Amino acid sequence: MSSQNHLGRFGANPGFQVERKLEVDDRSEVLQIMQMQAIASSNAVCEALKDEHLQKFISDLDSSPDALNISDVIST
């Protein structure tokens, strides 16, 4: 049985809304709000996200019809 998690309530950006719900089979794969806040406030993550290639990859992955299947994005 899978559970649904709507990530639209991320504490670092309360106005952020996710368009689609994600389903996970293992709740341990879902980050807690404090974990997401720690990632968002990480200088290393913020610096990495300035990389144009990484931005494009994330955008391509997010807009992929099968975003959970990373092989679709990698092969393009």
PDB file of N, CA and C in Angstrom:
ATOM      1  N   MET A   1       0.838  -1.177   0.000  1.00  0.00           N
ATOM      2  CA  MET A   1       0.000   0.000   0.000  1.00  0.00           C
ATOM      3  C   MET A   1       0.880   1.236   0.000  1.00  0.00           C
ATOM      4  N   SER A   2       0.609   2.161  -0.901  1.00  0.00           N
ATOM      5  CA  SER A   2       1.434   3.355  -0.961  1.00  0.00           C
ATOM      6  C   SER A   2       0.741   4.497  -0.247  1.00  0.00           C
ATOM      7  N   SER A   3       1.555   5.417   0.247  1.00  0.00           N
ATOM      8  CA  SER A   3       0.987   6.596   0.893  1.00  0.00           C
ATOM      9  C   SER A   3       1.270   7.806   0.025  1.00  0.00           C
ATOM     10  N   GLN A   4       0.455   8.823   0.158  1.00  0.00           N
ATOM     11  CA  GLN A   4       0.648  10.028  -0.626  1.00  0.00           C
ATOM     12  C   GLN A   4       1.223  11.105   0.262  1.00  0.00           C
ATOM     13  N   ASN A   5       2.089  11.934  -0.319  1.00  0.00           N
ATOM     14  CA  ASN A   5       2.675  13.034   0.410  1.00  0.00           C
ATOM     15  C   ASN A   5       2.634  14.261  -0.472  1.00  0.00           C
ATOM     16  N   HIS A   6       1.994  15.302  -0.010  1.00  0.00           N
ATOM     17  CA  HIS A   6       1.955  16.552  -0.761  1.00  0.00           C
ATOM     18  C   HIS A   6       2.999  17.464  -0.153  1.00  0.00           C
ATOM     19  N   LEU A   7       4.012  17.830  -0.931  1.00  0.00           N
ATOM     20  CA  LEU A   7       5.135  18.589  -0.413  1.00  0.00           C
ATOM     21  C   LEU A   7       4.930  20.094  -0.517  1.00  0.00           C
ATOM     22  N   GLY A   8       3.731  20.561  -0.639  1.00  0.00           N
ATOM     23  CA  GLY A   8       3.463  21.974  -0.810  1.00  0.00           C
ATOM     24  C   GLY A   8       3.569  22.795   0.461  1.00  0.00           C
ATOM     25  N   ARG A   9       3.928  22.230   1.565  1.00  0.00           N
ATOM     26  CA  ARG A   9       4.002  22.973   2.817  1.00  0.00           C
ATOM     27  C   ARG A   9       5.427  23.046   3.337  1.00  0.00           C
ATOM     28  N   PHE A  10       6.380  23.254   2.473  1.00  0.00           N
ATOM     29  CA  PHE A  10       7.782  23.336   2.850  1.00  0.00           C
ATOM     30  C   PHE A  10       8.012  24.603   3.658  1.00  0.00           C
ATOM     31  N   GLY A  11       8.524  24.453   4.866  1.00  0.00           N
ATOM     32  CA  GLY A  11       8.656  25.564   5.794  1.00  0.00           C
ATOM     33  C   GLY A  11       9.511  26.722   5.327  1.00  0.00           C
ATOM     34  N   ALA A  12      10.562  26.488   4.551  1.00  0.00           N
ATOM     35  CA  ALA A  12      11.442  27.566   4.125  1.00  0.00           C
ATOM     36  C   ALA A  12      10.751  28.501   3.145  1.00  0.00           C
ATOM     37  N   ASN A  13       9.725  28.031   2.472  1.00  0.00           N
ATOM     38  CA  ASN A  13       9.000  28.845   1.506  1.00  0.00           C
ATOM     39  C   ASN A  13       7.521  28.498   1.601  1.00  0.00           C
ATOM     40  N   PRO A  14       6.807  29.109   2.541  1.00  0.00           N
ATOM     41  CA  PRO A  14       5.423  28.712   2.767  1.00  0.00           C
ATOM     42  C   PRO A  14       4.510  28.920   1.570  1.00  0.00           C
ATOM     43  N   GLY A  15       4.893  29.749   0.591  1.00  0.00           N
ATOM     44  CA  GLY A  15       4.072  29.971  -0.586  1.00  0.00           C
ATOM     45  C   GLY A  15       4.288  28.941  -1.671  1.00  0.00           C
ATOM     46  N   PHE A  16       5.236  28.059  -1.501  1.00  0.00           N
ATOM     47  CA  PHE A  16       5.586  27.053  -2.501  1.00  0.00           C
ATOM     48  C   PHE A  16       4.490  26.006  -2.591  1.00  0.00           C
ATOM     49  N   GLN A  17       4.023  25.755  -3.788  1.00  0.00           N
ATOM     50  CA  GLN A  17       2.994  24.737  -3.993  1.00  0.00           C
ATOM     51  C   GLN A  17       3.454  23.740  -5.045  1.00  0.00           C
ATOM     52  N   VAL A  18       3.303  22.481  -4.747  1.00  0.00           N
ATOM     53  CA  VAL A  18       3.652  21.419  -5.681  1.00  0.00           C
ATOM     54  C   VAL A  18       2.406  21.069  -6.479  1.00  0.00           C
ATOM     55  N   GLU A  19       2.565  20.979  -7.790  1.00  0.00           N
ATOM     56  CA  GLU A  19       1.435  20.722  -8.678  1.00  0.00           C
ATOM     57  C   GLU A  19       0.910  19.293  -8.575  1.00  0.00           C
ATOM     58  N   ARG A  20       1.781  18.352  -8.283  1.00  0.00           N
ATOM     59  CA  ARG A  20       1.351  16.955  -8.289  1.00  0.00           C
ATOM     60  C   ARG A  20       1.748  16.280  -6.980  1.00  0.00           C
ATOM     61  N   LYS A  21       0.991  15.316  -6.604  1.00  0.00           N
ATOM     62  CA  LYS A  21       1.300  14.551  -5.406  1.00  0.00           C
ATOM     63  C   LYS A  21       2.240  13.418  -5.779  1.00  0.00           C
ATOM     64  N   LEU A  22       3.089  13.068  -4.843  1.00  0.00           N
ATOM     65  CA  LEU A  22       4.004  11.951  -5.038  1.00  0.00           C
ATOM     66  C   LEU A  22       3.541  10.791  -4.178  1.00  0.00           C
ATOM     67  N   GLU A  23       3.634   9.609  -4.730  1.00  0.00           N
ATOM     68  CA  GLU A  23       3.288   8.416  -3.973  1.00  0.00           C
ATOM     69  C   GLU A  23       4.564   7.653  -3.670  1.00  0.00           C
ATOM     70  N   VAL A  24       4.697   7.219  -2.434  1.00  0.00           N
ATOM     71  CA  VAL A  24       5.860   6.441  -2.029  1.00  0.00           C
ATOM     72  C   VAL A  24       5.396   5.173  -1.336  1.00  0.00           C
ATOM     73  N   ASP A  25       6.145   4.121  -1.547  1.00  0.00           N
ATOM     74  CA  ASP A  25       5.841   2.858  -0.889  1.00  0.00           C
ATOM     75  C   ASP A  25       6.489   2.785   0.488  1.00  0.00           C
ATOM     76  N   ASP A  26       7.617   3.468   0.639  1.00  0.00           N
ATOM     77  CA  ASP A  26       8.387   3.413   1.874  1.00  0.00           C
ATOM     78  C   ASP A  26       8.441   4.814   2.483  1.00  0.00           C
ATOM     79  N   ARG A  27       7.767   5.025   3.596  1.00  0.00           N
ATOM     80  CA  ARG A  27       7.722   6.346   4.241  1.00  0.00           C
ATOM     81  C   ARG A  27       9.110   6.849   4.622  1.00  0.00           C
ATOM     82  N   SER A  28      10.087   5.954   4.772  1.00  0.00           N
ATOM     83  CA  SER A  28      11.439   6.396   5.119  1.00  0.00           C
ATOM     84  C   SER A  28      12.084   7.163   3.967  1.00  0.00           C
ATOM     85  N   GLU A  29      11.503   7.092   2.758  1.00  0.00           N
ATOM     86  CA  GLU A  29      12.020   7.833   1.612  1.00  0.00           C
ATOM     87  C   GLU A  29      11.535   9.283   1.595  1.00  0.00           C
ATOM     88  N   VAL A  30      10.603   9.629   2.475  1.00  0.00           N
ATOM     89  CA  VAL A  30      10.032  10.974   2.521  1.00  0.00           C
ATOM     90  C   VAL A  30      10.807  11.809   3.534  1.00  0.00           C
ATOM     91  N   LEU A  31      11.296  12.962   3.078  1.00  0.00           N
ATOM     92  CA  LEU A  31      12.025  13.846   3.980  1.00  0.00           C
ATOM     93  C   LEU A  31      11.070  14.565   4.917  1.00  0.00           C
ATOM     94  N   GLN A  32      11.519  14.754   6.133  1.00  0.00           N
ATOM     95  CA  GLN A  32      10.764  15.539   7.095  1.00  0.00           C
ATOM     96  C   GLN A  32      11.026  17.025   6.832  1.00  0.00           C
ATOM     97  N   ILE A  33      10.155  17.898   7.317  1.00  0.00           N
ATOM     98  CA  ILE A  33      10.288  19.337   7.066  1.00  0.00           C
ATOM     99  C   ILE A  33      11.643  19.851   7.534  1.00  0.00           C
ATOM    100  N   MET A  34      12.107  19.432   8.703  1.00  0.00           N
ATOM    101  CA  MET A  34      13.406  19.912   9.201  1.00  0.00           C
ATOM    102  C   MET A  34      14.538  19.468   8.289  1.00  0.00           C
ATOM    103  N   GLN A  35      14.439  18.273   7.716  1.00  0.00           N
ATOM    104  CA  GLN A  35      15.461  17.808   6.783  1.00  0.00           C
ATOM    105  C   GLN A  35      15.459  18.667   5.525  1.00  0.00           C
ATOM    106  N   MET A  36      14.271  18.998   5.016  1.00  0.00           N
ATOM    107  CA  MET A  36      14.183  19.842   3.824  1.00  0.00           C
ATOM    108  C   MET A  36      14.707  21.241   4.118  1.00  0.00           C
ATOM    109  N   GLN A  37      14.422  21.779   5.302  1.00  0.00           N
ATOM    110  CA  GLN A  37      14.918  23.096   5.672  1.00  0.00           C
ATOM    111  C   GLN A  37      16.442  23.088   5.762  1.00  0.00           C
ATOM    112  N   ALA A  38      17.016  22.019   6.294  1.00  0.00           N
ATOM    113  CA  ALA A  38      18.470  21.918   6.387  1.00  0.00           C
ATOM    114  C   ALA A  38      19.102  21.890   5.004  1.00  0.00           C
ATOM    115  N   ILE A  39      18.489  21.173   4.078  1.00  0.00           N
ATOM    116  CA  ILE A  39      18.991  21.124   2.702  1.00  0.00           C
ATOM    117  C   ILE A  39      18.890  22.502   2.068  1.00  0.00           C
ATOM    118  N   ALA A  40      17.748  23.163   2.242  1.00  0.00           N
ATOM    119  CA  ALA A  40      17.519  24.476   1.631  1.00  0.00           C
ATOM    120  C   ALA A  40      18.466  25.536   2.178  1.00  0.00           C
ATOM    121  N   SER A  41      18.884  25.404   3.417  1.00  0.00           N
ATOM    122  CA  SER A  41      19.765  26.406   4.011  1.00  0.00           C
ATOM    123  C   SER A  41      21.246  26.053   3.864  1.00  0.00           C
ATOM    124  N   SER A  42      21.550  24.943   3.245  1.00  0.00           N
ATOM    125  CA  SER A  42      22.937  24.512   3.060  1.00  0.00           C
ATOM    126  C   SER A  42      23.639  25.364   2.007  1.00  0.00           C
ATOM    127  N   ASN A  43      24.767  25.967   2.387  1.00  0.00           N
ATOM    128  CA  ASN A  43      25.545  26.758   1.428  1.00  0.00           C
ATOM    129  C   ASN A  43      26.026  25.903   0.268  1.00  0.00           C
ATOM    130  N   ALA A  44      26.408  24.670   0.544  1.00  0.00           N
ATOM    131  CA  ALA A  44      26.896  23.784  -0.521  1.00  0.00           C
ATOM    132  C   ALA A  44      25.794  23.504  -1.540  1.00  0.00           C
ATOM    133  N   VAL A  45      24.585  23.272  -1.064  1.00  0.00           N
ATOM    134  CA  VAL A  45      23.465  23.013  -1.971  1.00  0.00           C
ATOM    135  C   VAL A  45      23.145  24.273  -2.766  1.00  0.00           C
ATOM    136  N   CYS A  46      23.107  25.417  -2.092  1.00  0.00           N
ATOM    137  CA  CYS A  46      22.819  26.680  -2.787  1.00  0.00           C
ATOM    138  C   CYS A  46      23.857  26.960  -3.867  1.00  0.00           C
ATOM    139  N   GLU A  47      25.117  26.708  -3.579  1.00  0.00           N
ATOM    140  CA  GLU A  47      26.175  26.905  -4.576  1.00  0.00           C
ATOM    141  C   GLU A  47      26.020  25.928  -5.739  1.00  0.00           C
ATOM    142  N   ALA A  48      25.731  24.673  -5.431  1.00  0.00           N
ATOM    143  CA  ALA A  48      25.571  23.665  -6.485  1.00  0.00           C
ATOM    144  C   ALA A  48      24.411  24.018  -7.405  1.00  0.00           C
ATOM    145  N   LEU A  49      23.355  24.590  -6.846  1.00  0.00           N
ATOM    146  CA  LEU A  49      22.178  24.924  -7.648  1.00  0.00           C
ATOM    147  C   LEU A  49      22.408  26.104  -8.586  1.00  0.00           C
ATOM    148  N   LYS A  50      23.540  26.762  -8.465  1.00  0.00           N
ATOM    149  CA  LYS A  50      23.886  27.843  -9.395  1.00  0.00           C
ATOM    150  C   LYS A  50      24.414  27.294 -10.715  1.00  0.00           C
ATOM    151  N   ASP A  51      24.766  26.015 -10.747  1.00  0.00           N
ATOM    152  CA  ASP A  51      25.297  25.377 -11.950  1.00  0.00           C
ATOM    153  C   ASP A  51      24.203  25.253 -13.005  1.00  0.00           C
ATOM    154  N   GLU A  52      24.434  25.848 -14.174  1.00  0.00           N
ATOM    155  CA  GLU A  52      23.420  25.851 -15.237  1.00  0.00           C
ATOM    156  C   GLU A  52      23.076  24.450 -15.728  1.00  0.00           C
ATOM    157  N   HIS A  53      24.072  23.566 -15.778  1.00  0.00           N
ATOM    158  CA  HIS A  53      23.818  22.193 -16.233  1.00  0.00           C
ATOM    159  C   HIS A  53      22.907  21.464 -15.239  1.00  0.00           C
ATOM    160  N   LEU A  54      23.160  21.668 -13.958  1.00  0.00           N
ATOM    161  CA  LEU A  54      22.311  21.048 -12.941  1.00  0.00           C
ATOM    162  C   LEU A  54      20.905  21.636 -12.988  1.00  0.00           C
ATOM    163  N   GLN A  55      20.785  22.942 -13.181  1.00  0.00           N
ATOM    164  CA  GLN A  55      19.473  23.579 -13.296  1.00  0.00           C
ATOM    165  C   GLN A  55      18.685  22.990 -14.463  1.00  0.00           C
ATOM    166  N   LYS A  56      19.355  22.811 -15.601  1.00  0.00           N
ATOM    167  CA  LYS A  56      18.684  22.252 -16.777  1.00  0.00           C
ATOM    168  C   LYS A  56      18.261  20.810 -16.512  1.00  0.00           C
ATOM    169  N   PHE A  57      19.147  20.031 -15.894  1.00  0.00           N
ATOM    170  CA  PHE A  57      18.822  18.642 -15.584  1.00  0.00           C
ATOM    171  C   PHE A  57      17.597  18.562 -14.670  1.00  0.00           C
ATOM    172  N   ILE A  58      17.570  19.378 -13.627  1.00  0.00           N
ATOM    173  CA  ILE A  58      16.442  19.375 -12.696  1.00  0.00           C
ATOM    174  C   ILE A  58      15.166  19.788 -13.413  1.00  0.00           C
ATOM    175  N   SER A  59      15.267  20.807 -14.257  1.00  0.00           N
ATOM    176  CA  SER A  59      14.101  21.267 -15.017  1.00  0.00           C
ATOM    177  C   SER A  59      13.594  20.182 -15.961  1.00  0.00           C
ATOM    178  N   ASP A  60      14.527  19.530 -16.669  1.00  0.00           N
ATOM    179  CA  ASP A  60      14.146  18.446 -17.580  1.00  0.00           C
ATOM    180  C   ASP A  60      13.497  17.296 -16.818  1.00  0.00           C
ATOM    181  N   LEU A  61      14.062  16.964 -15.679  1.00  0.00           N
ATOM    182  CA  LEU A  61      13.513  15.883 -14.862  1.00  0.00           C
ATOM    183  C   LEU A  61      12.118  16.248 -14.362  1.00  0.00           C
ATOM    184  N   ASP A  62      11.976  17.465 -13.878  1.00  0.00           N
ATOM    185  CA  ASP A  62      10.693  17.898 -13.329  1.00  0.00           C
ATOM    186  C   ASP A  62       9.598  17.961 -14.389  1.00  0.00           C
ATOM    187  N   SER A  63       9.965  18.326 -15.607  1.00  0.00           N
ATOM    188  CA  SER A  63       8.953  18.460 -16.659  1.00  0.00           C
ATOM    189  C   SER A  63       8.741  17.169 -17.450  1.00  0.00           C
ATOM    190  N   SER A  64       9.500  16.138 -17.127  1.00  0.00           N
ATOM    191  CA  SER A  64       9.357  14.859 -17.805  1.00  0.00           C
ATOM    192  C   SER A  64       8.003  14.233 -17.471  1.00  0.00           C
ATOM    193  N   PRO A  65       7.336  13.635 -18.469  1.00  0.00           N
ATOM    194  CA  PRO A  65       6.053  12.979 -18.183  1.00  0.00           C
ATOM    195  C   PRO A  65       6.196  11.829 -17.191  1.00  0.00           C
ATOM    196  N   ASP A  66       7.382  11.241 -17.139  1.00  0.00           N
ATOM    197  CA  ASP A  66       7.646  10.149 -16.204  1.00  0.00           C
ATOM    198  C   ASP A  66       8.827  10.561 -15.327  1.00  0.00           C
ATOM    199  N   ALA A  67       8.632  11.622 -14.538  1.00  0.00           N
ATOM    200  CA  ALA A  67       9.718  12.221 -13.761  1.00  0.00           C
ATOM    201  C   ALA A  67      10.360  11.256 -12.772  1.00  0.00           C
ATOM    202  N   LEU A  68       9.641  10.244 -12.357  1.00  0.00           N
ATOM    203  CA  LEU A  68      10.215   9.293 -11.411  1.00  0.00           C
ATOM    204  C   LEU A  68      11.129   8.285 -12.090  1.00  0.00           C
ATOM    205  N   ASN A  69      11.116   8.252 -13.417  1.00  0.00           N
ATOM    206  CA  ASN A  69      11.995   7.362 -14.165  1.00  0.00           C
ATOM    207  C   ASN A  69      13.145   8.195 -14.720  1.00  0.00           C
ATOM    208  N   ILE A  70      14.200   8.329 -13.950  1.00  0.00           N
ATOM    209  CA  ILE A  70      15.317   9.201 -14.291  1.00  0.00           C
ATOM    210  C   ILE A  70      15.997   8.788 -15.594  1.00  0.00           C
ATOM    211  N   SER A  71      15.904   7.528 -15.979  1.00  0.00           N
ATOM    212  CA  SER A  71      16.552   7.072 -17.211  1.00  0.00           C
ATOM    213  C   SER A  71      15.972   7.767 -18.437  1.00  0.00           C
ATOM    214  N   ASP A  72      14.697   8.168 -18.393  1.00  0.00           N
ATOM    215  CA  ASP A  72      14.104   8.901 -19.511  1.00  0.00           C
ATOM    216  C   ASP A  72      14.797  10.237 -19.722  1.00  0.00           C
ATOM    217  N   VAL A  73      15.147  10.912 -18.647  1.00  0.00           N
ATOM    218  CA  VAL A  73      15.781  12.223 -18.736  1.00  0.00           C
ATOM    219  C   VAL A  73      17.245  12.081 -19.117  1.00  0.00           C
ATOM    220  N   ILE A  74      17.925  11.095 -18.573  1.00  0.00           N
ATOM    221  CA  ILE A  74      19.347  10.906 -18.848  1.00  0.00           C
ATOM    222  C   ILE A  74      19.577  10.575 -20.312  1.00  0.00           C
ATOM    223  N   SER A  75      18.681   9.835 -20.930  1.00  0.00           N
ATOM    224  CA  SER A  75      18.887   9.402 -22.314  1.00  0.00           C
ATOM    225  C   SER A  75      18.626  10.501 -23.331  1.00  0.00           C
ATOM    226  N   THR A  76      18.063  11.639 -22.913  1.00  0.00           N
ATOM    227  CA  THR A  76      17.776  12.708 -23.876  1.00  0.00           C
ATOM    228  C   THR A  76      18.895  13.703 -23.963  1.00  0.00           C
TER     229      THR A  76
END
